Amino acid sequence: MITVAVTVSNPTGLHARPAASLVALAKSFTSAITIKYGEKSANAKSILAVLTLGASQGASLTISTDGVDETAAAEQILEAFSNNLGDS
């Protein structure tokens, strides 16, 4: 299992478009991917679960990947967050 910390930099937070990008990316891996925000936890492969986190700009998230491609998943998710999840 790999655990990484990221900060939501998007001015509108983890809203529909960046959440959809994150879910699409997560679904491309076989590993289980979990996002934790405060006391809330979500399956990164579920758009509803990700949106329910309510992560706004500046939110600190902990992302855990667990499985055969966990390293690649963690690296690509970190890269996606550094690129604002494709949302400008």
PDB file of N, CA and C in Angstrom:
ATOM      1  N   MET A   1       0.839  -1.178   0.000  1.00  0.00           N
ATOM      2  CA  MET A   1       0.000   0.000   0.000  1.00  0.00           C
ATOM      3  C   MET A   1       0.887   1.245   0.000  1.00  0.00           C
ATOM      4  N   ILE A   2       0.498   2.196  -0.808  1.00  0.00           N
ATOM      5  CA  ILE A   2       1.196   3.476  -0.884  1.00  0.00           C
ATOM      6  C   ILE A   2       0.215   4.561  -0.465  1.00  0.00           C
ATOM      7  N   THR A   3       0.673   5.468   0.373  1.00  0.00           N
ATOM      8  CA  THR A   3      -0.155   6.580   0.825  1.00  0.00           C
ATOM      9  C   THR A   3       0.570   7.879   0.522  1.00  0.00           C
ATOM     10  N   VAL A   4      -0.150   8.800  -0.123  1.00  0.00           N
ATOM     11  CA  VAL A   4       0.417  10.106  -0.465  1.00  0.00           C
ATOM     12  C   VAL A   4      -0.550  11.205  -0.023  1.00  0.00           C
ATOM     13  N   ALA A   5      -0.005  12.372   0.225  1.00  0.00           N
ATOM     14  CA  ALA A   5      -0.818  13.526   0.597  1.00  0.00           C
ATOM     15  C   ALA A   5      -0.819  14.522  -0.557  1.00  0.00           C
ATOM     16  N   VAL A   6      -1.992  15.068  -0.837  1.00  0.00           N
ATOM     17  CA  VAL A   6      -2.123  16.092  -1.878  1.00  0.00           C
ATOM     18  C   VAL A   6      -2.988  17.230  -1.333  1.00  0.00           C
ATOM     19  N   THR A   7      -2.844  18.375  -1.959  1.00  0.00           N
ATOM     20  CA  THR A   7      -3.666  19.529  -1.614  1.00  0.00           C
ATOM     21  C   THR A   7      -4.465  19.926  -2.845  1.00  0.00           C
ATOM     22  N   VAL A   8      -5.747  20.173  -2.662  1.00  0.00           N
ATOM     23  CA  VAL A   8      -6.610  20.603  -3.762  1.00  0.00           C
ATOM     24  C   VAL A   8      -6.270  22.056  -4.076  1.00  0.00           C
ATOM     25  N   SER A   9      -5.756  22.303  -5.278  1.00  0.00           N
ATOM     26  CA  SER A   9      -5.371  23.662  -5.648  1.00  0.00           C
ATOM     27  C   SER A   9      -6.407  24.351  -6.529  1.00  0.00           C
ATOM     28  N   ASN A  10      -7.343  23.604  -7.051  1.00  0.00           N
ATOM     29  CA  ASN A  10      -8.380  24.170  -7.916  1.00  0.00           C
ATOM     30  C   ASN A  10      -9.215  25.185  -7.128  1.00  0.00           C
ATOM     31  N   PRO A  11      -9.399  26.402  -7.650  1.00  0.00           N
ATOM     32  CA  PRO A  11     -10.152  27.439  -6.934  1.00  0.00           C
ATOM     33  C   PRO A  11     -11.579  27.026  -6.567  1.00  0.00           C
ATOM     34  N   THR A  12     -12.169  26.126  -7.339  1.00  0.00           N
ATOM     35  CA  THR A  12     -13.539  25.700  -7.046  1.00  0.00           C
ATOM     36  C   THR A  12     -13.572  24.347  -6.331  1.00  0.00           C
ATOM     37  N   GLY A  13     -12.412  23.854  -5.928  1.00  0.00           N
ATOM     38  CA  GLY A  13     -12.362  22.599  -5.196  1.00  0.00           C
ATOM     39  C   GLY A  13     -12.498  21.380  -6.093  1.00  0.00           C
ATOM     40  N   LEU A  14     -12.826  20.285  -5.475  1.00  0.00           N
ATOM     41  CA  LEU A  14     -12.967  19.022  -6.198  1.00  0.00           C
ATOM     42  C   LEU A  14     -14.415  18.902  -6.674  1.00  0.00           C
ATOM     43  N   HIS A  15     -14.797  19.786  -7.601  1.00  0.00           N
ATOM     44  CA  HIS A  15     -16.168  19.797  -8.125  1.00  0.00           C
ATOM     45  C   HIS A  15     -16.304  18.788  -9.260  1.00  0.00           C
ATOM     46  N   ALA A  16     -17.408  18.827  -9.966  1.00  0.00           N
ATOM     47  CA  ALA A  16     -17.766  17.784 -10.931  1.00  0.00           C
ATOM     48  C   ALA A  16     -16.703  17.466 -11.982  1.00  0.00           C
ATOM     49  N   ARG A  17     -16.183  18.467 -12.659  1.00  0.00           N
ATOM     50  CA  ARG A  17     -15.236  18.194 -13.750  1.00  0.00           C
ATOM     51  C   ARG A  17     -13.909  17.585 -13.263  1.00  0.00           C
ATOM     52  N   PRO A  18     -13.240  18.188 -12.270  1.00  0.00           N
ATOM     53  CA  PRO A  18     -12.008  17.549 -11.802  1.00  0.00           C
ATOM     54  C   PRO A  18     -12.273  16.212 -11.102  1.00  0.00           C
ATOM     55  N   ALA A  19     -13.407  16.088 -10.437  1.00  0.00           N
ATOM     56  CA  ALA A  19     -13.739  14.805  -9.804  1.00  0.00           C
ATOM     57  C   ALA A  19     -13.919  13.726 -10.869  1.00  0.00           C
ATOM     58  N   ALA A  20     -14.570  14.080 -11.971  1.00  0.00           N
ATOM     59  CA  ALA A  20     -14.762  13.119 -13.061  1.00  0.00           C
ATOM     60  C   ALA A  20     -13.420  12.708 -13.665  1.00  0.00           C
ATOM     61  N   SER A  21     -12.497  13.661 -13.788  1.00  0.00           N
ATOM     62  CA  SER A  21     -11.156  13.342 -14.297  1.00  0.00           C
ATOM     63  C   SER A  21     -10.432  12.395 -13.352  1.00  0.00           C
ATOM     64  N   LEU A  22     -10.547  12.654 -12.055  1.00  0.00           N
ATOM     65  CA  LEU A  22      -9.905  11.803 -11.060  1.00  0.00           C
ATOM     66  C   LEU A  22     -10.481  10.393 -11.091  1.00  0.00           C
ATOM     67  N   VAL A  23     -11.797  10.285 -11.167  1.00  0.00           N
ATOM     68  CA  VAL A  23     -12.457   8.972 -11.211  1.00  0.00           C
ATOM     69  C   VAL A  23     -12.049   8.205 -12.468  1.00  0.00           C
ATOM     70  N   ALA A  24     -12.009   8.881 -13.611  1.00  0.00           N
ATOM     71  CA  ALA A  24     -11.600   8.220 -14.856  1.00  0.00           C
ATOM     72  C   ALA A  24     -10.167   7.695 -14.733  1.00  0.00           C
ATOM     73  N   LEU A  25      -9.296   8.494 -14.149  1.00  0.00           N
ATOM     74  CA  LEU A  25      -7.913   8.070 -13.948  1.00  0.00           C
ATOM     75  C   LEU A  25      -7.860   6.871 -12.999  1.00  0.00           C
ATOM     76  N   ALA A  26      -8.571   6.950 -11.892  1.00  0.00           N
ATOM     77  CA  ALA A  26      -8.573   5.863 -10.908  1.00  0.00           C
ATOM     78  C   ALA A  26      -9.083   4.556 -11.518  1.00  0.00           C
ATOM     79  N   LYS A  27     -10.091   4.663 -12.363  1.00  0.00           N
ATOM     80  CA  LYS A  27     -10.667   3.469 -12.992  1.00  0.00           C
ATOM     81  C   LYS A  27      -9.711   2.803 -13.979  1.00  0.00           C
ATOM     82  N   SER A  28      -8.674   3.513 -14.392  1.00  0.00           N
ATOM     83  CA  SER A  28      -7.724   2.932 -15.339  1.00  0.00           C
ATOM     84  C   SER A  28      -6.732   1.991 -14.641  1.00  0.00           C
ATOM     85  N   PHE A  29      -6.814   1.897 -13.317  1.00  0.00           N
ATOM     86  CA  PHE A  29      -5.928   1.025 -12.537  1.00  0.00           C
ATOM     87  C   PHE A  29      -6.733  -0.092 -11.884  1.00  0.00           C
ATOM     88  N   THR A  30      -6.083  -1.221 -11.682  1.00  0.00           N
ATOM     89  CA  THR A  30      -6.754  -2.321 -10.985  1.00  0.00           C
ATOM     90  C   THR A  30      -6.656  -2.176  -9.472  1.00  0.00           C
ATOM     91  N   SER A  31      -5.706  -1.415  -9.001  1.00  0.00           N
ATOM     92  CA  SER A  31      -5.535  -1.207  -7.559  1.00  0.00           C
ATOM     93  C   SER A  31      -6.747  -0.522  -6.946  1.00  0.00           C
ATOM     94  N   ALA A  32      -6.970  -0.813  -5.671  1.00  0.00           N
ATOM     95  CA  ALA A  32      -7.980  -0.086  -4.905  1.00  0.00           C
ATOM     96  C   ALA A  32      -7.399   1.284  -4.580  1.00  0.00           C
ATOM     97  N   ILE A  33      -8.189   2.328  -4.777  1.00  0.00           N
ATOM     98  CA  ILE A  33      -7.719   3.692  -4.525  1.00  0.00           C
ATOM     99  C   ILE A  33      -8.740   4.377  -3.615  1.00  0.00           C
ATOM    100  N   THR A  34      -8.257   4.845  -2.480  1.00  0.00           N
ATOM    101  CA  THR A  34      -9.125   5.468  -1.491  1.00  0.00           C
ATOM    102  C   THR A  34      -8.644   6.884  -1.211  1.00  0.00           C
ATOM    103  N   ILE A  35      -9.609   7.799  -1.094  1.00  0.00           N
ATOM    104  CA  ILE A  35      -9.302   9.195  -0.772  1.00  0.00           C
ATOM    105  C   ILE A  35      -9.878   9.476   0.605  1.00  0.00           C
ATOM    106  N   LYS A  36      -9.073  10.085   1.472  1.00  0.00           N
ATOM    107  CA  LYS A  36      -9.535  10.438   2.797  1.00  0.00           C
ATOM    108  C   LYS A  36      -9.430  11.948   2.965  1.00  0.00           C
ATOM    109  N   TYR A  37     -10.512  12.545   3.459  1.00  0.00           N
ATOM    110  CA  TYR A  37     -10.551  13.977   3.727  1.00  0.00           C
ATOM    111  C   TYR A  37     -11.183  14.153   5.104  1.00  0.00           C
ATOM    112  N   GLY A  38     -10.379  14.502   6.068  1.00  0.00           N
ATOM    113  CA  GLY A  38     -10.872  14.585   7.441  1.00  0.00           C
ATOM    114  C   GLY A  38     -11.321  13.214   7.904  1.00  0.00           C
ATOM    115  N   GLU A  39     -12.545  13.125   8.359  1.00  0.00           N
ATOM    116  CA  GLU A  39     -13.104  11.850   8.817  1.00  0.00           C
ATOM    117  C   GLU A  39     -13.779  11.076   7.685  1.00  0.00           C
ATOM    118  N   LYS A  40     -13.901  11.696   6.514  1.00  0.00           N
ATOM    119  CA  LYS A  40     -14.583  11.060   5.386  1.00  0.00           C
ATOM    120  C   LYS A  40     -13.601  10.262   4.536  1.00  0.00           C
ATOM    121  N   SER A  41     -14.107   9.176   3.976  1.00  0.00           N
ATOM    122  CA  SER A  41     -13.301   8.328   3.111  1.00  0.00           C
ATOM    123  C   SER A  41     -14.136   7.975   1.889  1.00  0.00           C
ATOM    124  N   ALA A  42     -13.493   7.894   0.712  1.00  0.00           N
ATOM    125  CA  ALA A  42     -14.230   7.619  -0.510  1.00  0.00           C
ATOM    126  C   ALA A  42     -13.443   6.713  -1.443  1.00  0.00           C
ATOM    127  N   ASN A  43     -14.164   5.875  -2.151  1.00  0.00           N
ATOM    128  CA  ASN A  43     -13.595   5.062  -3.222  1.00  0.00           C
ATOM    129  C   ASN A  43     -13.355   6.012  -4.398  1.00  0.00           C
ATOM    130  N   ALA A  44     -12.122   6.138  -4.844  1.00  0.00           N
ATOM    131  CA  ALA A  44     -11.788   7.079  -5.920  1.00  0.00           C
ATOM    132  C   ALA A  44     -12.378   6.672  -7.260  1.00  0.00           C
ATOM    133  N   LYS A  45     -12.951   5.490  -7.347  1.00  0.00           N
ATOM    134  CA  LYS A  45     -13.554   5.027  -8.606  1.00  0.00           C
ATOM    135  C   LYS A  45     -15.050   5.318  -8.656  1.00  0.00           C
ATOM    136  N   SER A  46     -15.570   6.035  -7.655  1.00  0.00           N
ATOM    137  CA  SER A  46     -16.991   6.385  -7.587  1.00  0.00           C
ATOM    138  C   SER A  46     -17.153   7.900  -7.584  1.00  0.00           C
ATOM    139  N   ILE A  47     -17.762   8.434  -8.627  1.00  0.00           N
ATOM    140  CA  ILE A  47     -17.943   9.889  -8.735  1.00  0.00           C
ATOM    141  C   ILE A  47     -18.772  10.418  -7.573  1.00  0.00           C
ATOM    142  N   LEU A  48     -19.815   9.712  -7.202  1.00  0.00           N
ATOM    143  CA  LEU A  48     -20.668  10.168  -6.099  1.00  0.00           C
ATOM    144  C   LEU A  48     -19.884  10.213  -4.790  1.00  0.00           C
ATOM    145  N   ALA A  49     -19.093   9.185  -4.545  1.00  0.00           N
ATOM    146  CA  ALA A  49     -18.289   9.144  -3.317  1.00  0.00           C
ATOM    147  C   ALA A  49     -17.284  10.287  -3.284  1.00  0.00           C
ATOM    148  N   VAL A  50     -16.635  10.565  -4.408  1.00  0.00           N
ATOM    149  CA  VAL A  50     -15.638  11.646  -4.467  1.00  0.00           C
ATOM    150  C   VAL A  50     -16.308  13.004  -4.248  1.00  0.00           C
ATOM    151  N   LEU A  51     -17.442  13.233  -4.877  1.00  0.00           N
ATOM    152  CA  LEU A  51     -18.147  14.509  -4.711  1.00  0.00           C
ATOM    153  C   LEU A  51     -18.648  14.688  -3.284  1.00  0.00           C
ATOM    154  N   THR A  52     -19.029  13.592  -2.641  1.00  0.00           N
ATOM    155  CA  THR A  52     -19.541  13.647  -1.272  1.00  0.00           C
ATOM    156  C   THR A  52     -18.477  14.100  -0.272  1.00  0.00           C
ATOM    157  N   LEU A  53     -17.214  13.967  -0.630  1.00  0.00           N
ATOM    158  CA  LEU A  53     -16.141  14.434   0.257  1.00  0.00           C
ATOM    159  C   LEU A  53     -16.251  15.934   0.513  1.00  0.00           C
ATOM    160  N   GLY A  54     -16.711  16.683  -0.494  1.00  0.00           N
ATOM    161  CA  GLY A  54     -16.844  18.129  -0.339  1.00  0.00           C
ATOM    162  C   GLY A  54     -15.524  18.847  -0.163  1.00  0.00           C
ATOM    163  N   ALA A  55     -14.485  18.379  -0.851  1.00  0.00           N
ATOM    164  CA  ALA A  55     -13.146  18.972  -0.711  1.00  0.00           C
ATOM    165  C   ALA A  55     -13.060  20.294  -1.473  1.00  0.00           C
ATOM    166  N   SER A  56     -12.790  21.360  -0.752  1.00  0.00           N
ATOM    167  CA  SER A  56     -12.672  22.682  -1.361  1.00  0.00           C
ATOM    168  C   SER A  56     -11.198  23.025  -1.587  1.00  0.00           C
ATOM    169  N   GLN A  57     -10.958  24.187  -2.196  1.00  0.00           N
ATOM    170  CA  GLN A  57      -9.577  24.613  -2.444  1.00  0.00           C
ATOM    171  C   GLN A  57      -8.813  24.657  -1.122  1.00  0.00           C
ATOM    172  N   GLY A  58      -7.602  24.124  -1.152  1.00  0.00           N
ATOM    173  CA  GLY A  58      -6.760  24.106   0.032  1.00  0.00           C
ATOM    174  C   GLY A  58      -6.943  22.868   0.898  1.00  0.00           C
ATOM    175  N   ALA A  59      -7.915  22.033   0.558  1.00  0.00           N
ATOM    176  CA  ALA A  59      -8.164  20.814   1.342  1.00  0.00           C
ATOM    177  C   ALA A  59      -6.979  19.862   1.220  1.00  0.00           C
ATOM    178  N   SER A  60      -6.606  19.255   2.331  1.00  0.00           N
ATOM    179  CA  SER A  60      -5.539  18.252   2.334  1.00  0.00           C
ATOM    180  C   SER A  60      -6.170  16.873   2.269  1.00  0.00           C
ATOM    181  N   LEU A  61      -5.811  16.124   1.248  1.00  0.00           N
ATOM    182  CA  LEU A  61      -6.349  14.787   1.040  1.00  0.00           C
ATOM    183  C   LEU A  61      -5.248  13.757   1.214  1.00  0.00           C
ATOM    184  N   THR A  62      -5.619  12.589   1.686  1.00  0.00           N
ATOM    185  CA  THR A  62      -4.702  11.467   1.760  1.00  0.00           C
ATOM    186  C   THR A  62      -5.211  10.426   0.786  1.00  0.00           C
ATOM    187  N   ILE A  63      -4.361  10.024  -0.139  1.00  0.00           N
ATOM    188  CA  ILE A  63      -4.750   9.048  -1.148  1.00  0.00           C
ATOM    189  C   ILE A  63      -3.941   7.781  -0.935  1.00  0.00           C
ATOM    190  N   SER A  64      -4.654   6.664  -0.836  1.00  0.00           N
ATOM    191  CA  SER A  64      -4.018   5.365  -0.655  1.00  0.00           C
ATOM    192  C   SER A  64      -4.285   4.493  -1.871  1.00  0.00           C
ATOM    193  N   THR A  65      -3.251   3.852  -2.355  1.00  0.00           N
ATOM    194  CA  THR A  65      -3.379   2.915  -3.465  1.00  0.00           C
ATOM    195  C   THR A  65      -2.888   1.560  -2.980  1.00  0.00           C
ATOM    196  N   ASP A  66      -3.606   0.512  -3.365  1.00  0.00           N
ATOM    197  CA  ASP A  66      -3.252  -0.822  -2.904  1.00  0.00           C
ATOM    198  C   ASP A  66      -3.556  -1.842  -3.994  1.00  0.00           C
ATOM    199  N   GLY A  67      -2.500  -2.452  -4.533  1.00  0.00           N
ATOM    200  CA  GLY A  67      -2.689  -3.465  -5.567  1.00  0.00           C
ATOM    201  C   GLY A  67      -1.460  -3.594  -6.445  1.00  0.00           C
ATOM    202  N   VAL A  68      -1.609  -4.336  -7.514  1.00  0.00           N
ATOM    203  CA  VAL A  68      -0.466  -4.650  -8.374  1.00  0.00           C
ATOM    204  C   VAL A  68       0.122  -3.423  -9.067  1.00  0.00           C
ATOM    205  N   ASP A  69      -0.695  -2.422  -9.348  1.00  0.00           N
ATOM    206  CA  ASP A  69      -0.198  -1.220 -10.030  1.00  0.00           C
ATOM    207  C   ASP A  69      -0.261   0.013  -9.117  1.00  0.00           C
ATOM    208  N   GLU A  70      -0.097  -0.204  -7.814  1.00  0.00           N
ATOM    209  CA  GLU A  70      -0.233   0.874  -6.838  1.00  0.00           C
ATOM    210  C   GLU A  70       0.775   1.998  -7.027  1.00  0.00           C
ATOM    211  N   THR A  71       1.996   1.675  -7.417  1.00  0.00           N
ATOM    212  CA  THR A  71       3.020   2.708  -7.601  1.00  0.00           C
ATOM    213  C   THR A  71       2.661   3.629  -8.763  1.00  0.00           C
ATOM    214  N   ALA A  72       2.303   3.040  -9.879  1.00  0.00           N
ATOM    215  CA  ALA A  72       1.915   3.838 -11.049  1.00  0.00           C
ATOM    216  C   ALA A  72       0.672   4.664 -10.743  1.00  0.00           C
ATOM    217  N   ALA A  73      -0.278   4.083 -10.034  1.00  0.00           N
ATOM    218  CA  ALA A  73      -1.504   4.805  -9.682  1.00  0.00           C
ATOM    219  C   ALA A  73      -1.180   6.018  -8.826  1.00  0.00           C
ATOM    220  N   ALA A  74      -0.359   5.829  -7.789  1.00  0.00           N
ATOM    221  CA  ALA A  74      -0.004   6.938  -6.904  1.00  0.00           C
ATOM    222  C   ALA A  74       0.730   8.033  -7.668  1.00  0.00           C
ATOM    223  N   GLU A  75       1.677   7.645  -8.516  1.00  0.00           N
ATOM    224  CA  GLU A  75       2.448   8.629  -9.283  1.00  0.00           C
ATOM    225  C   GLU A  75       1.556   9.430 -10.220  1.00  0.00           C
ATOM    226  N   GLN A  76       0.668   8.748 -10.939  1.00  0.00           N
ATOM    227  CA  GLN A  76      -0.179   9.446 -11.904  1.00  0.00           C
ATOM    228  C   GLN A  76      -1.227  10.316 -11.217  1.00  0.00           C
ATOM    229  N   ILE A  77      -1.717   9.885 -10.067  1.00  0.00           N
ATOM    230  CA  ILE A  77      -2.677  10.720  -9.338  1.00  0.00           C
ATOM    231  C   ILE A  77      -1.986  11.969  -8.796  1.00  0.00           C
ATOM    232  N   LEU A  78      -0.775  11.826  -8.273  1.00  0.00           N
ATOM    233  CA  LEU A  78      -0.012  13.002  -7.833  1.00  0.00           C
ATOM    234  C   LEU A  78       0.201  13.980  -8.983  1.00  0.00           C
ATOM    235  N   GLU A  79       0.559  13.451 -10.137  1.00  0.00           N
ATOM    236  CA  GLU A  79       0.767  14.291 -11.309  1.00  0.00           C
ATOM    237  C   GLU A  79      -0.532  14.988 -11.711  1.00  0.00           C
ATOM    238  N   ALA A  80      -1.633  14.264 -11.670  1.00  0.00           N
ATOM    239  CA  ALA A  80      -2.934  14.846 -12.033  1.00  0.00           C
ATOM    240  C   ALA A  80      -3.293  15.989 -11.092  1.00  0.00           C
ATOM    241  N   PHE A  81      -3.054  15.822  -9.797  1.00  0.00           N
ATOM    242  CA  PHE A  81      -3.346  16.904  -8.855  1.00  0.00           C
ATOM    243  C   PHE A  81      -2.426  18.092  -9.095  1.00  0.00           C
ATOM    244  N   SER A  82      -1.173  17.841  -9.452  1.00  0.00           N
ATOM    245  CA  SER A  82      -0.260  18.957  -9.713  1.00  0.00           C
ATOM    246  C   SER A  82      -0.652  19.708 -10.982  1.00  0.00           C
ATOM    247  N   ASN A  83      -1.401  19.052 -11.859  1.00  0.00           N
ATOM    248  CA  ASN A  83      -1.901  19.684 -13.076  1.00  0.00           C
ATOM    249  C   ASN A  83      -3.359  20.112 -12.917  1.00  0.00           C
ATOM    250  N   ASN A  84      -3.814  20.256 -11.670  1.00  0.00           N
ATOM    251  CA  ASN A  84      -5.165  20.739 -11.368  1.00  0.00           C
ATOM    252  C   ASN A  84      -6.253  19.813 -11.913  1.00  0.00           C
ATOM    253  N   LEU A  85      -5.932  18.538 -12.078  1.00  0.00           N
ATOM    254  CA  LEU A  85      -6.860  17.529 -12.600  1.00  0.00           C
ATOM    255  C   LEU A  85      -7.431  17.934 -13.948  1.00  0.00           C
ATOM    256  N   GLY A  86      -6.617  18.617 -14.728  1.00  0.00           N
ATOM    257  CA  GLY A  86      -7.040  18.996 -16.078  1.00  0.00           C
ATOM    258  C   GLY A  86      -8.030  20.133 -16.134  1.00  0.00           C
ATOM    259  N   ASP A  87      -8.316  20.765 -15.003  1.00  0.00           N
ATOM    260  CA  ASP A  87      -9.284  21.860 -14.943  1.00  0.00           C
ATOM    261  C   ASP A  87      -8.518  23.156 -14.715  1.00  0.00           C
ATOM    262  N   SER A  88      -8.802  24.172 -15.532  1.00  0.00           N
ATOM    263  CA  SER A  88      -8.067  25.413 -15.328  1.00  0.00           C
ATOM    264  C   SER A  88      -8.883  26.480 -14.674  1.00  0.00           C
TER     265      SER A  88
END
